[in-house]
Amino acid sequence: MQGVLQGQPAVQRRAMAKSITLLESTLPAHRVQADELLTGLLPHSGKSFRLGISGVPGVGKSTFIEALGLFLIAQGHRVAVLAIDPSSTVSGGSILGDKTRMEHLSVHEKAYIRPSPSSGTLGGVAEKTREAMLVCEAAGYDVVIVETVGVGQSETAVANMTDMFVLMQLPNAGDDLQAIKKGVMELADLVVINKADIDTSAATRAEAQITSALRLLGLHGNHDHAHYNEDIWHPEVLQISALLNQGVDSFWYRVQKFKRLQQANHKFEHRRQQQAQAWMWERIDAGLKQNFRGQETVQALLPELSQKVISGQMPASTAARQLLAAYQATGFPTN
């Protein structure tokens, strides 16, 4: 498989698409094949820079990613984009329109774009995004960009699987107090104010407000940032206009600076190690939940206890404890 992934662009794209589709499958037989695939690809992965980008709908994420991707390709990089679309809670469907929004990048032979539905996964990030990253890395893409939904807890999810987390904001998006309350500022390694050309005064005010918020969070939330130290990375704010292709080079300069400082402080590898362990526990949690729901004793008790909870005859916590006790009594089946 590794040889196929490193083959000609057309062959490589097909192999990558099939690999990621296999990883996204929920069939038990496919899961066994997927595990074998990942084990084989693992020694060839981990050499890329993983960049997470999030922001509210309409902030211009796709436009920026296309501009950044084309810039990086011109610099000799190969770029993979994993774009996560929100799934409808009613129909379960997704638009998956990122390829149409990145029409120039999507057809470039040194780029690979994979839109995937979130499928209801907490945080809006597709469940198999981490595994898809490994496929892209094994195929030789040295920059992997994860574009996420930008609502709810998606920022936390993407920050926990990438080397650098970028939050995109709009001018006039709110004052610094609102920015602090959102909490996402604590996760951001870099804040980008897009569409700065539309209202330069508003963009400048937003930059000042967000910079002030980041400093306040640094003083109270992270002791490393309490005193300015040029040897560690301090979150920064940058104005750009993705549509006019302004500021993309400045953005990448800051990304490279971030990477140098993180590697020099050994935080780069430590962050990845923590993420790998968190990924393991996340998969354990998901597997246990799936196994729990499929256990026969639990399935037999669930309708009755659910109805008692709905009708107010039994507290939800009591029902949960009874179901867990029934599950534990079976000796934790693994089938």
C-alpha atoms as a PDB file:
ATOM      1  CA  MET A   1       0.000   0.000   0.000  1.00  0.00           C
ATOM      2  CA  GLN A   2       2.837   2.414   0.782  1.00  0.00           C
ATOM      3  CA  GLY A   3       4.211   1.997  -2.750  1.00  0.00           C
ATOM      4  CA  VAL A   4       0.768   2.737  -4.219  1.00  0.00           C
ATOM      5  CA  LEU A   5       0.385   5.818  -2.031  1.00  0.00           C
ATOM      6  CA  GLN A   6       3.706   7.127  -3.334  1.00  0.00           C
ATOM      7  CA  GLY A   7       2.819   6.405  -6.998  1.00  0.00           C
ATOM      8  CA  GLN A   8       1.545   8.654  -9.783  1.00  0.00           C
ATOM      9  CA  PRO A   9      -0.921  11.391  -8.730  1.00  0.00           C
ATOM     10  CA  ALA A  10      -4.020   9.745 -10.263  1.00  0.00           C
ATOM     11  CA  VAL A  11      -3.200   6.320  -8.806  1.00  0.00           C
ATOM     12  CA  GLN A  12      -2.256   7.881  -5.479  1.00  0.00           C
ATOM     13  CA  ARG A  13      -5.509   9.817  -5.189  1.00  0.00           C
ATOM     14  CA  ARG A  14      -7.565   6.678  -5.786  1.00  0.00           C
ATOM     15  CA  ALA A  15      -5.535   4.715  -3.246  1.00  0.00           C
ATOM     16  CA  MET A  16      -5.874   7.482  -0.650  1.00  0.00           C
ATOM     17  CA  ALA A  17      -9.615   7.817  -1.234  1.00  0.00           C
ATOM     18  CA  LYS A  18     -10.133   4.064  -0.871  1.00  0.00           C
ATOM     19  CA  SER A  19      -7.954   3.957   2.252  1.00  0.00           C
ATOM     20  CA  ILE A  20      -9.838   6.764   3.963  1.00  0.00           C
ATOM     21  CA  THR A  21     -13.188   5.252   2.963  1.00  0.00           C
ATOM     22  CA  LEU A  22     -12.067   1.987   4.546  1.00  0.00           C
ATOM     23  CA  LEU A  23     -11.085   3.846   7.729  1.00  0.00           C
ATOM     24  CA  GLU A  24     -14.475   5.557   7.860  1.00  0.00           C
ATOM     25  CA  SER A  25     -16.387   2.276   7.508  1.00  0.00           C
ATOM     26  CA  THR A  26     -18.210   0.990  10.578  1.00  0.00           C
ATOM     27  CA  LEU A  27     -18.320  -2.648   9.437  1.00  0.00           C
ATOM     28  CA  PRO A  28     -16.368  -4.922  11.845  1.00  0.00           C
ATOM     29  CA  ALA A  29     -14.562  -6.716   8.982  1.00  0.00           C
ATOM     30  CA  HIS A  30     -13.463  -3.383   7.538  1.00  0.00           C
ATOM     31  CA  ARG A  31     -12.245  -2.272  10.960  1.00  0.00           C
ATOM     32  CA  VAL A  32      -9.838  -5.213  11.094  1.00  0.00           C
ATOM     33  CA  GLN A  33      -8.501  -4.321   7.649  1.00  0.00           C
ATOM     34  CA  ALA A  34      -8.248  -0.663   8.664  1.00  0.00           C
ATOM     35  CA  ASP A  35      -6.174  -1.528  11.731  1.00  0.00           C
ATOM     36  CA  GLU A  36      -3.775  -3.540   9.561  1.00  0.00           C
ATOM     37  CA  LEU A  37      -3.544  -0.645   7.115  1.00  0.00           C
ATOM     38  CA  LEU A  38      -2.782   1.884   9.855  1.00  0.00           C
ATOM     39  CA  THR A  39      -0.107  -0.358  11.377  1.00  0.00           C
ATOM     40  CA  GLY A  40       1.583  -0.602   7.992  1.00  0.00           C
ATOM     41  CA  LEU A  41       1.405   3.144   7.357  1.00  0.00           C
ATOM     42  CA  LEU A  42       2.459   4.297  10.828  1.00  0.00           C
ATOM     43  CA  PRO A  43       6.261   4.119  10.215  1.00  0.00           C
ATOM     44  CA  HIS A  44       5.789   6.387   7.163  1.00  0.00           C
ATOM     45  CA  SER A  45       3.651   8.986   8.947  1.00  0.00           C
ATOM     46  CA  GLY A  46       4.310  11.785  11.416  1.00  0.00           C
ATOM     47  CA  LYS A  47       6.615  13.824   9.202  1.00  0.00           C
ATOM     48  CA  SER A  48       4.122  16.505   8.197  1.00  0.00           C
ATOM     49  CA  PHE A  49       3.099  19.729   9.902  1.00  0.00           C
ATOM     50  CA  ARG A  50      -0.506  19.465  11.101  1.00  0.00           C
ATOM     51  CA  LEU A  51      -2.359  22.754  10.958  1.00  0.00           C
ATOM     52  CA  GLY A  52      -5.846  23.155  12.412  1.00  0.00           C
ATOM     53  CA  ILE A  53      -8.035  25.995  11.163  1.00  0.00           C
ATOM     54  CA  SER A  54     -11.401  26.902  12.643  1.00  0.00           C
ATOM     55  CA  GLY A  55     -13.786  29.808  12.609  1.00  0.00           C
ATOM     56  CA  VAL A  56     -17.452  30.664  12.306  1.00  0.00           C
ATOM     57  CA  PRO A  57     -19.245  29.984   9.007  1.00  0.00           C
ATOM     58  CA  GLY A  58     -18.630  32.829   6.568  1.00  0.00           C
ATOM     59  CA  VAL A  59     -15.259  33.822   7.977  1.00  0.00           C
ATOM     60  CA  GLY A  60     -13.558  32.686   4.770  1.00  0.00           C
ATOM     61  CA  LYS A  61     -11.816  29.485   5.834  1.00  0.00           C
ATOM     62  CA  SER A  62     -12.004  27.811   2.431  1.00  0.00           C
ATOM     63  CA  THR A  63     -10.805  30.924   0.594  1.00  0.00           C
ATOM     64  CA  PHE A  64      -7.891  31.266   2.981  1.00  0.00           C
ATOM     65  CA  ILE A  65      -6.961  27.585   2.802  1.00  0.00           C
ATOM     66  CA  GLU A  66      -6.920  27.699  -0.991  1.00  0.00           C
ATOM     67  CA  ALA A  67      -4.706  30.799  -0.988  1.00  0.00           C
ATOM     68  CA  LEU A  68      -2.413  29.217   1.618  1.00  0.00           C
ATOM     69  CA  GLY A  69      -2.314  25.875  -0.199  1.00  0.00           C
ATOM     70  CA  LEU A  70      -1.320  27.429  -3.523  1.00  0.00           C
ATOM     71  CA  PHE A  71       1.312  29.537  -1.740  1.00  0.00           C
ATOM     72  CA  LEU A  72       2.787  26.465  -0.051  1.00  0.00           C
ATOM     73  CA  ILE A  73       2.837  24.459  -3.282  1.00  0.00           C
ATOM     74  CA  ALA A  74       4.776  27.300  -4.896  1.00  0.00           C
ATOM     75  CA  GLN A  75       7.251  26.953  -2.013  1.00  0.00           C
ATOM     76  CA  GLY A  76       7.746  23.246  -2.827  1.00  0.00           C
ATOM     77  CA  HIS A  77       5.296  21.709  -0.335  1.00  0.00           C
ATOM     78  CA  ARG A  78       2.578  19.123  -0.895  1.00  0.00           C
ATOM     79  CA  VAL A  79      -0.691  20.005   0.799  1.00  0.00           C
ATOM     80  CA  ALA A  80      -3.542  17.811   2.034  1.00  0.00           C
ATOM     81  CA  VAL A  81      -6.791  19.339   3.277  1.00  0.00           C
ATOM     82  CA  LEU A  82      -9.226  17.402   5.460  1.00  0.00           C
ATOM     83  CA  ALA A  83     -12.368  19.516   5.410  1.00  0.00           C
ATOM     84  CA  ILE A  84     -15.067  18.538   7.898  1.00  0.00           C
ATOM     85  CA  ASP A  85     -18.642  19.471   6.997  1.00  0.00           C
ATOM     86  CA  PRO A  86     -21.416  19.498   9.592  1.00  0.00           C
ATOM     87  CA  SER A  87     -23.981  16.743   9.248  1.00  0.00           C
ATOM     88  CA  SER A  88     -27.664  17.557   9.500  1.00  0.00           C
ATOM     89  CA  THR A  89     -29.230  16.390  12.746  1.00  0.00           C
ATOM     90  CA  VAL A  90     -32.475  15.826  10.802  1.00  0.00           C
ATOM     91  CA  SER A  91     -31.438  14.066   7.594  1.00  0.00           C
ATOM     92  CA  GLY A  92     -27.880  13.100   8.523  1.00  0.00           C
ATOM     93  CA  GLY A  93     -26.627  14.499   5.215  1.00  0.00           C
ATOM     94  CA  SER A  94     -23.794  16.937   4.453  1.00  0.00           C
ATOM     95  CA  ILE A  95     -23.181  19.325   1.580  1.00  0.00           C
ATOM     96  CA  LEU A  96     -19.443  18.479   1.275  1.00  0.00           C
ATOM     97  CA  GLY A  97     -18.885  21.558  -0.884  1.00  0.00           C
ATOM     98  CA  ASP A  98     -15.283  22.357  -0.014  1.00  0.00           C
ATOM     99  CA  LYS A  99     -13.911  21.082  -3.332  1.00  0.00           C
ATOM    100  CA  THR A 100     -16.136  23.515  -5.213  1.00  0.00           C
ATOM    101  CA  ARG A 101     -15.014  26.364  -2.944  1.00  0.00           C
ATOM    102  CA  MET A 102     -11.339  25.476  -3.559  1.00  0.00           C
ATOM    103  CA  GLU A 103     -11.607  25.015  -7.308  1.00  0.00           C
ATOM    104  CA  HIS A 104      -7.969  25.843  -8.102  1.00  0.00           C
ATOM    105  CA  LEU A 105      -6.372  23.940  -5.241  1.00  0.00           C
ATOM    106  CA  SER A 106      -8.570  20.865  -5.694  1.00  0.00           C
ATOM    107  CA  VAL A 107      -7.261  20.181  -9.220  1.00  0.00           C
ATOM    108  CA  HIS A 108      -3.589  20.708  -8.425  1.00  0.00           C
ATOM    109  CA  GLU A 109      -1.550  17.499  -8.592  1.00  0.00           C
ATOM    110  CA  LYS A 110       0.359  18.429  -5.425  1.00  0.00           C
ATOM    111  CA  ALA A 111      -2.805  18.915  -3.383  1.00  0.00           C
ATOM    112  CA  TYR A 112      -5.357  16.491  -2.002  1.00  0.00           C
ATOM    113  CA  ILE A 113      -8.712  17.603  -0.605  1.00  0.00           C
ATOM    114  CA  ARG A 114     -10.971  15.223   1.269  1.00  0.00           C
ATOM    115  CA  PRO A 115     -14.335  16.567   2.462  1.00  0.00           C
ATOM    116  CA  SER A 116     -15.902  14.374   5.135  1.00  0.00           C
ATOM    117  CA  PRO A 117     -19.147  14.591   7.103  1.00  0.00           C
ATOM    118  CA  SER A 118     -18.931  15.073  10.853  1.00  0.00           C
ATOM    119  CA  SER A 119     -21.682  12.422  11.171  1.00  0.00           C
ATOM    120  CA  GLY A 120     -22.733  13.794  14.514  1.00  0.00           C
ATOM    121  CA  THR A 121     -19.325  13.338  16.112  1.00  0.00           C
ATOM    122  CA  LEU A 122     -18.885  15.529  19.192  1.00  0.00           C
ATOM    123  CA  GLY A 123     -17.044  18.694  18.278  1.00  0.00           C
ATOM    124  CA  GLY A 124     -17.976  18.533  14.615  1.00  0.00           C
ATOM    125  CA  VAL A 125     -14.767  16.758  13.670  1.00  0.00           C
ATOM    126  CA  ALA A 126     -15.094  13.526  11.725  1.00  0.00           C
ATOM    127  CA  GLU A 127     -14.375  10.514  13.891  1.00  0.00           C
ATOM    128  CA  LYS A 128     -11.641   9.202  11.605  1.00  0.00           C
ATOM    129  CA  THR A 129      -9.879  12.501  10.893  1.00  0.00           C
ATOM    130  CA  ARG A 130      -6.769  11.483  12.844  1.00  0.00           C
ATOM    131  CA  GLU A 131      -6.490   8.274  10.869  1.00  0.00           C
ATOM    132  CA  ALA A 132      -7.011  10.122   7.582  1.00  0.00           C
ATOM    133  CA  MET A 133      -4.097  12.381   8.559  1.00  0.00           C
ATOM    134  CA  LEU A 134      -1.831   9.335   8.776  1.00  0.00           C
ATOM    135  CA  VAL A 135      -2.825   8.284   5.263  1.00  0.00           C
ATOM    136  CA  CYS A 136      -2.006  11.749   3.910  1.00  0.00           C
ATOM    137  CA  GLU A 137       1.342  11.780   5.688  1.00  0.00           C
ATOM    138  CA  ALA A 138       2.262   8.320   4.424  1.00  0.00           C
ATOM    139  CA  ALA A 139       1.457   9.536   0.905  1.00  0.00           C
ATOM    140  CA  GLY A 140       4.091  12.248   1.262  1.00  0.00           C
ATOM    141  CA  TYR A 141       2.016  15.343   2.022  1.00  0.00           C
ATOM    142  CA  ASP A 142       4.168  17.461   4.316  1.00  0.00           C
ATOM    143  CA  VAL A 143       1.458  19.957   5.294  1.00  0.00           C
ATOM    144  CA  VAL A 144      -1.901  18.596   6.457  1.00  0.00           C
ATOM    145  CA  ILE A 145      -4.636  21.154   7.095  1.00  0.00           C
ATOM    146  CA  VAL A 146      -7.734  20.233   9.100  1.00  0.00           C
ATOM    147  CA  GLU A 147     -10.594  22.641   8.456  1.00  0.00           C
ATOM    148  CA  THR A 148     -13.382  22.154  10.948  1.00  0.00           C
ATOM    149  CA  VAL A 149     -16.956  23.283  11.363  1.00  0.00           C
ATOM    150  CA  GLY A 150     -16.244  26.151  13.725  1.00  0.00           C
ATOM    151  CA  VAL A 151     -19.253  25.721  16.005  1.00  0.00           C
ATOM    152  CA  GLY A 152     -19.729  24.239  19.448  1.00  0.00           C
ATOM    153  CA  GLN A 153     -16.711  22.309  20.685  1.00  0.00           C
ATOM    154  CA  SER A 154     -15.089  21.745  17.291  1.00  0.00           C
ATOM    155  CA  GLU A 155     -12.236  24.059  18.228  1.00  0.00           C
ATOM    156  CA  THR A 156     -11.252  21.820  21.133  1.00  0.00           C
ATOM    157  CA  ALA A 157     -11.382  18.742  18.922  1.00  0.00           C
ATOM    158  CA  VAL A 158      -9.179  20.148  16.173  1.00  0.00           C
ATOM    159  CA  ALA A 159      -6.723  21.701  18.652  1.00  0.00           C
ATOM    160  CA  ASN A 160      -6.250  18.254  20.176  1.00  0.00           C
ATOM    161  CA  MET A 161      -5.142  16.658  16.904  1.00  0.00           C
ATOM    162  CA  THR A 162      -2.931  19.296  15.283  1.00  0.00           C
ATOM    163  CA  ASP A 163       0.470  20.887  15.892  1.00  0.00           C
ATOM    164  CA  MET A 164      -0.872  24.426  15.657  1.00  0.00           C
ATOM    165  CA  PHE A 165      -4.410  25.721  16.067  1.00  0.00           C
ATOM    166  CA  VAL A 166      -5.482  28.810  14.133  1.00  0.00           C
ATOM    167  CA  LEU A 167      -8.701  30.651  14.879  1.00  0.00           C
ATOM    168  CA  MET A 168     -10.123  32.882  12.157  1.00  0.00           C
ATOM    169  CA  GLN A 169     -12.155  35.910  13.135  1.00  0.00           C
ATOM    170  CA  LEU A 170     -14.021  38.688  11.348  1.00  0.00           C
ATOM    171  CA  PRO A 171     -13.752  42.428  11.987  1.00  0.00           C
ATOM    172  CA  ASN A 172     -16.632  43.666  14.157  1.00  0.00           C
ATOM    173  CA  ALA A 173     -17.096  40.141  15.536  1.00  0.00           C
ATOM    174  CA  GLY A 174     -17.404  41.410  19.107  1.00  0.00           C
ATOM    175  CA  ASP A 175     -15.454  43.089  21.863  1.00  0.00           C
ATOM    176  CA  ASP A 176     -12.624  41.594  23.873  1.00  0.00           C
ATOM    177  CA  LEU A 177     -14.917  40.606  26.763  1.00  0.00           C
ATOM    178  CA  GLN A 178     -16.985  38.460  24.400  1.00  0.00           C
ATOM    179  CA  ALA A 179     -13.795  36.946  23.005  1.00  0.00           C
ATOM    180  CA  ILE A 180     -12.703  35.941  26.494  1.00  0.00           C
ATOM    181  CA  LYS A 181     -16.104  34.445  27.310  1.00  0.00           C
ATOM    182  CA  LYS A 182     -15.976  32.245  24.234  1.00  0.00           C
ATOM    183  CA  GLY A 183     -13.062  30.414  25.824  1.00  0.00           C
ATOM    184  CA  VAL A 184     -11.672  29.403  22.453  1.00  0.00           C
ATOM    185  CA  MET A 185      -9.003  32.088  22.742  1.00  0.00           C
ATOM    186  CA  GLU A 186      -7.249  29.904  25.288  1.00  0.00           C
ATOM    187  CA  LEU A 187      -6.766  27.260  22.599  1.00  0.00           C
ATOM    188  CA  ALA A 188      -5.575  29.520  19.794  1.00  0.00           C
ATOM    189  CA  ASP A 189      -1.896  29.593  18.891  1.00  0.00           C
ATOM    190  CA  LEU A 190      -2.593  32.244  16.266  1.00  0.00           C
ATOM    191  CA  VAL A 191      -5.660  34.398  15.622  1.00  0.00           C
ATOM    192  CA  VAL A 192      -6.235  35.548  12.044  1.00  0.00           C
ATOM    193  CA  ILE A 193      -8.566  38.438  11.271  1.00  0.00           C
ATOM    194  CA  ASN A 194      -9.742  37.808   7.726  1.00  0.00           C
ATOM    195  CA  LYS A 195     -11.440  40.241   5.331  1.00  0.00           C
ATOM    196  CA  ALA A 196      -9.402  43.052   6.853  1.00  0.00           C
ATOM    197  CA  ASP A 197      -9.630  44.939   3.550  1.00  0.00           C
ATOM    198  CA  ILE A 198     -13.385  45.464   3.913  1.00  0.00           C
ATOM    199  CA  ASP A 199     -13.076  47.683   7.007  1.00  0.00           C
ATOM    200  CA  THR A 200      -9.480  48.439   7.973  1.00  0.00           C
ATOM    201  CA  SER A 201     -10.481  50.451  11.052  1.00  0.00           C
ATOM    202  CA  ALA A 202     -12.638  47.641  12.391  1.00  0.00           C
ATOM    203  CA  ALA A 203      -9.887  45.114  11.677  1.00  0.00           C
ATOM    204  CA  THR A 204      -7.359  47.224  13.577  1.00  0.00           C
ATOM    205  CA  ARG A 205      -9.727  47.568  16.531  1.00  0.00           C
ATOM    206  CA  ALA A 206     -10.354  43.834  16.510  1.00  0.00           C
ATOM    207  CA  GLU A 207      -6.621  43.137  16.454  1.00  0.00           C
ATOM    208  CA  ALA A 208      -6.060  45.400  19.469  1.00  0.00           C
ATOM    209  CA  GLN A 209      -8.982  43.901  21.391  1.00  0.00           C
ATOM    210  CA  ILE A 210      -8.012  40.288  20.716  1.00  0.00           C
ATOM    211  CA  THR A 211      -4.361  41.007  21.517  1.00  0.00           C
ATOM    212  CA  SER A 212      -5.449  42.466  24.845  1.00  0.00           C
ATOM    213  CA  ALA A 213      -7.644  39.419  25.521  1.00  0.00           C
ATOM    214  CA  LEU A 214      -4.771  37.037  24.719  1.00  0.00           C
ATOM    215  CA  ARG A 215      -2.436  38.905  27.069  1.00  0.00           C
ATOM    216  CA  LEU A 216      -5.010  38.784  29.856  1.00  0.00           C
ATOM    217  CA  LEU A 217      -5.508  35.059  29.337  1.00  0.00           C
ATOM    218  CA  GLY A 218      -1.747  34.596  29.332  1.00  0.00           C
ATOM    219  CA  LEU A 219      -1.365  36.375  32.650  1.00  0.00           C
ATOM    220  CA  HIS A 220      -4.090  34.347  34.381  1.00  0.00           C
ATOM    221  CA  GLY A 221      -4.288  31.088  32.464  1.00  0.00           C
ATOM    222  CA  ASN A 222      -0.744  30.142  31.473  1.00  0.00           C
ATOM    223  CA  HIS A 223       2.264  30.825  33.678  1.00  0.00           C
ATOM    224  CA  ASP A 224       4.584  30.400  30.684  1.00  0.00           C
ATOM    225  CA  HIS A 225       3.132  33.593  29.228  1.00  0.00           C
ATOM    226  CA  ALA A 226       3.068  35.601  32.447  1.00  0.00           C
ATOM    227  CA  HIS A 227       6.447  37.148  31.657  1.00  0.00           C
ATOM    228  CA  TYR A 228       7.450  37.779  28.086  1.00  0.00           C
ATOM    229  CA  ASN A 229      10.086  35.308  26.966  1.00  0.00           C
ATOM    230  CA  GLU A 230      11.332  35.256  23.368  1.00  0.00           C
ATOM    231  CA  ASP A 231      12.242  31.584  23.716  1.00  0.00           C
ATOM    232  CA  ILE A 232       8.609  30.457  23.893  1.00  0.00           C
ATOM    233  CA  TRP A 233       5.691  31.076  21.581  1.00  0.00           C
ATOM    234  CA  HIS A 234       3.132  33.694  22.573  1.00  0.00           C
ATOM    235  CA  PRO A 235      -0.186  33.664  20.691  1.00  0.00           C
ATOM    236  CA  GLU A 236      -0.297  36.410  18.083  1.00  0.00           C
ATOM    237  CA  VAL A 237      -2.935  38.250  16.049  1.00  0.00           C
ATOM    238  CA  LEU A 238      -2.628  38.859  12.315  1.00  0.00           C
ATOM    239  CA  GLN A 239      -4.724  40.768   9.768  1.00  0.00           C
ATOM    240  CA  ILE A 240      -5.130  39.259   6.304  1.00  0.00           C
ATOM    241  CA  SER A 241      -7.306  39.351   3.215  1.00  0.00           C
ATOM    242  CA  ALA A 242      -7.496  35.849   1.772  1.00  0.00           C
ATOM    243  CA  LEU A 243      -9.574  37.016  -1.194  1.00  0.00           C
ATOM    244  CA  LEU A 244      -6.876  39.520  -2.197  1.00  0.00           C
ATOM    245  CA  ASN A 245      -4.110  37.091  -1.227  1.00  0.00           C
ATOM    246  CA  GLN A 246      -2.714  39.601   1.260  1.00  0.00           C
ATOM    247  CA  GLY A 247      -0.909  38.411   4.388  1.00  0.00           C
ATOM    248  CA  VAL A 248      -0.521  34.744   3.440  1.00  0.00           C
ATOM    249  CA  ASP A 249       3.286  35.015   3.463  1.00  0.00           C
ATOM    250  CA  SER A 250       3.199  36.722   6.871  1.00  0.00           C
ATOM    251  CA  PHE A 251       0.946  33.968   8.149  1.00  0.00           C
ATOM    252  CA  TRP A 252       3.338  31.225   7.044  1.00  0.00           C
ATOM    253  CA  TYR A 253       6.295  33.104   8.551  1.00  0.00           C
ATOM    254  CA  ARG A 254       4.552  32.963  11.928  1.00  0.00           C
ATOM    255  CA  VAL A 255       3.764  29.279  11.484  1.00  0.00           C
ATOM    256  CA  GLN A 256       7.444  28.547  10.843  1.00  0.00           C
ATOM    257  CA  LYS A 257       8.431  30.641  13.857  1.00  0.00           C
ATOM    258  CA  PHE A 258       5.957  28.715  16.009  1.00  0.00           C
ATOM    259  CA  LYS A 259       7.348  25.395  14.803  1.00  0.00           C
ATOM    260  CA  ARG A 260      10.970  26.417  15.485  1.00  0.00           C
ATOM    261  CA  LEU A 261      10.210  27.558  19.018  1.00  0.00           C
ATOM    262  CA  GLN A 262       8.088  24.497  19.837  1.00  0.00           C
ATOM    263  CA  GLN A 263      10.792  22.136  18.599  1.00  0.00           C
ATOM    264  CA  ALA A 264      13.531  24.007  20.448  1.00  0.00           C
ATOM    265  CA  ASN A 265      11.538  23.739  23.692  1.00  0.00           C
ATOM    266  CA  HIS A 266      10.680  20.068  23.029  1.00  0.00           C
ATOM    267  CA  LYS A 267       7.000  21.014  23.210  1.00  0.00           C
ATOM    268  CA  PHE A 268       6.332  19.922  19.644  1.00  0.00           C
ATOM    269  CA  GLU A 269       6.965  16.230  20.283  1.00  0.00           C
ATOM    270  CA  HIS A 270       5.395  16.385  23.756  1.00  0.00           C
ATOM    271  CA  ARG A 271       2.181  17.774  22.276  1.00  0.00           C
ATOM    272  CA  ARG A 272       2.042  14.939  19.753  1.00  0.00           C
ATOM    273  CA  GLN A 273       2.669  12.337  22.423  1.00  0.00           C
ATOM    274  CA  GLN A 274      -0.180  13.717  24.516  1.00  0.00           C
ATOM    275  CA  GLN A 275      -2.465  13.736  21.481  1.00  0.00           C
ATOM    276  CA  ALA A 276      -1.606  10.128  20.621  1.00  0.00           C
ATOM    277  CA  GLN A 277      -2.455   9.001  24.142  1.00  0.00           C
ATOM    278  CA  ALA A 278      -5.671  11.044  24.138  1.00  0.00           C
ATOM    279  CA  TRP A 279      -6.589   9.455  20.810  1.00  0.00           C
ATOM    280  CA  MET A 280      -6.134   5.992  22.324  1.00  0.00           C
ATOM    281  CA  TRP A 281      -8.450   6.785  25.236  1.00  0.00           C
ATOM    282  CA  GLU A 282     -10.977   8.406  22.931  1.00  0.00           C
ATOM    283  CA  ARG A 283     -11.142   5.219  20.862  1.00  0.00           C
ATOM    284  CA  ILE A 284     -11.440   3.156  24.049  1.00  0.00           C
ATOM    285  CA  ASP A 285     -14.361   5.306  25.221  1.00  0.00           C
ATOM    286  CA  ALA A 286     -16.062   5.018  21.827  1.00  0.00           C
ATOM    287  CA  GLY A 287     -15.485   1.249  21.700  1.00  0.00           C
ATOM    288  CA  LEU A 288     -16.836   0.690  25.190  1.00  0.00           C
ATOM    289  CA  LYS A 289     -19.924   2.751  24.438  1.00  0.00           C
ATOM    290  CA  GLN A 290     -20.572   0.803  21.244  1.00  0.00           C
ATOM    291  CA  ASN A 291     -20.011  -2.506  23.032  1.00  0.00           C
ATOM    292  CA  PHE A 292     -22.268  -1.414  25.888  1.00  0.00           C
ATOM    293  CA  ARG A 293     -25.151  -0.576  23.552  1.00  0.00           C
ATOM    294  CA  GLY A 294     -24.777  -3.881  21.719  1.00  0.00           C
ATOM    295  CA  GLN A 295     -24.729  -6.106  24.822  1.00  0.00           C
ATOM    296  CA  GLU A 296     -27.836  -8.309  25.004  1.00  0.00           C
ATOM    297  CA  THR A 297     -28.607  -7.719  28.693  1.00  0.00           C
ATOM    298  CA  VAL A 298     -28.397  -3.972  28.210  1.00  0.00           C
ATOM    299  CA  GLN A 299     -30.615  -4.126  25.111  1.00  0.00           C
ATOM    300  CA  ALA A 300     -33.202  -6.109  27.085  1.00  0.00           C
ATOM    301  CA  LEU A 301     -33.311  -3.610  29.972  1.00  0.00           C
ATOM    302  CA  LEU A 302     -32.912  -0.399  27.987  1.00  0.00           C
ATOM    303  CA  PRO A 303     -36.519   0.081  26.726  1.00  0.00           C
ATOM    304  CA  GLU A 304     -38.078  -0.370  30.158  1.00  0.00           C
ATOM    305  CA  LEU A 305     -35.576   1.815  31.995  1.00  0.00           C
ATOM    306  CA  SER A 306     -35.688   4.471  29.276  1.00  0.00           C
ATOM    307  CA  GLN A 307     -39.452   4.660  29.563  1.00  0.00           C
ATOM    308  CA  LYS A 308     -39.218   5.024  33.360  1.00  0.00           C
ATOM    309  CA  VAL A 309     -36.760   7.887  32.944  1.00  0.00           C
ATOM    310  CA  ILE A 310     -38.965   9.579  30.339  1.00  0.00           C
ATOM    311  CA  SER A 311     -42.090   9.242  32.505  1.00  0.00           C
ATOM    312  CA  GLY A 312     -40.324  10.513  35.618  1.00  0.00           C
ATOM    313  CA  GLN A 313     -40.594   7.239  37.526  1.00  0.00           C
ATOM    314  CA  MET A 314     -36.833   6.782  37.839  1.00  0.00           C
ATOM    315  CA  PRO A 315     -33.907   9.200  38.034  1.00  0.00           C
ATOM    316  CA  ALA A 316     -31.598   9.029  35.015  1.00  0.00           C
ATOM    317  CA  SER A 317     -28.624   8.373  37.298  1.00  0.00           C
ATOM    318  CA  THR A 318     -30.340   5.335  38.820  1.00  0.00           C
ATOM    319  CA  ALA A 319     -31.174   3.932  35.402  1.00  0.00           C
ATOM    320  CA  ALA A 320     -27.602   4.442  34.275  1.00  0.00           C
ATOM    321  CA  ARG A 321     -26.221   2.608  37.321  1.00  0.00           C
ATOM    322  CA  GLN A 322     -28.594  -0.332  36.773  1.00  0.00           C
ATOM    323  CA  LEU A 323     -27.584  -0.609  33.122  1.00  0.00           C
ATOM    324  CA  LEU A 324     -23.892  -0.431  33.997  1.00  0.00           C
ATOM    325  CA  ALA A 325     -24.358  -3.085  36.678  1.00  0.00           C
ATOM    326  CA  ALA A 326     -26.080  -5.356  34.179  1.00  0.00           C
ATOM    327  CA  TYR A 327     -23.253  -4.800  31.703  1.00  0.00           C
ATOM    328  CA  GLN A 328     -20.547  -5.480  34.287  1.00  0.00           C
ATOM    329  CA  ALA A 329     -22.273  -8.695  35.349  1.00  0.00           C
ATOM    330  CA  THR A 330     -21.706 -10.111  31.858  1.00  0.00           C
ATOM    331  CA  GLY A 331     -17.930  -9.911  32.246  1.00  0.00           C
ATOM    332  CA  PHE A 332     -17.378  -7.183  29.621  1.00  0.00           C
ATOM    333  CA  PRO A 333     -17.979  -9.099  26.394  1.00  0.00           C
ATOM    334  CA  THR A 334     -15.751  -8.107  23.478  1.00  0.00           C
ATOM    335  CA  ASN A 335     -17.818  -9.288  20.529  1.00  0.00           C
END
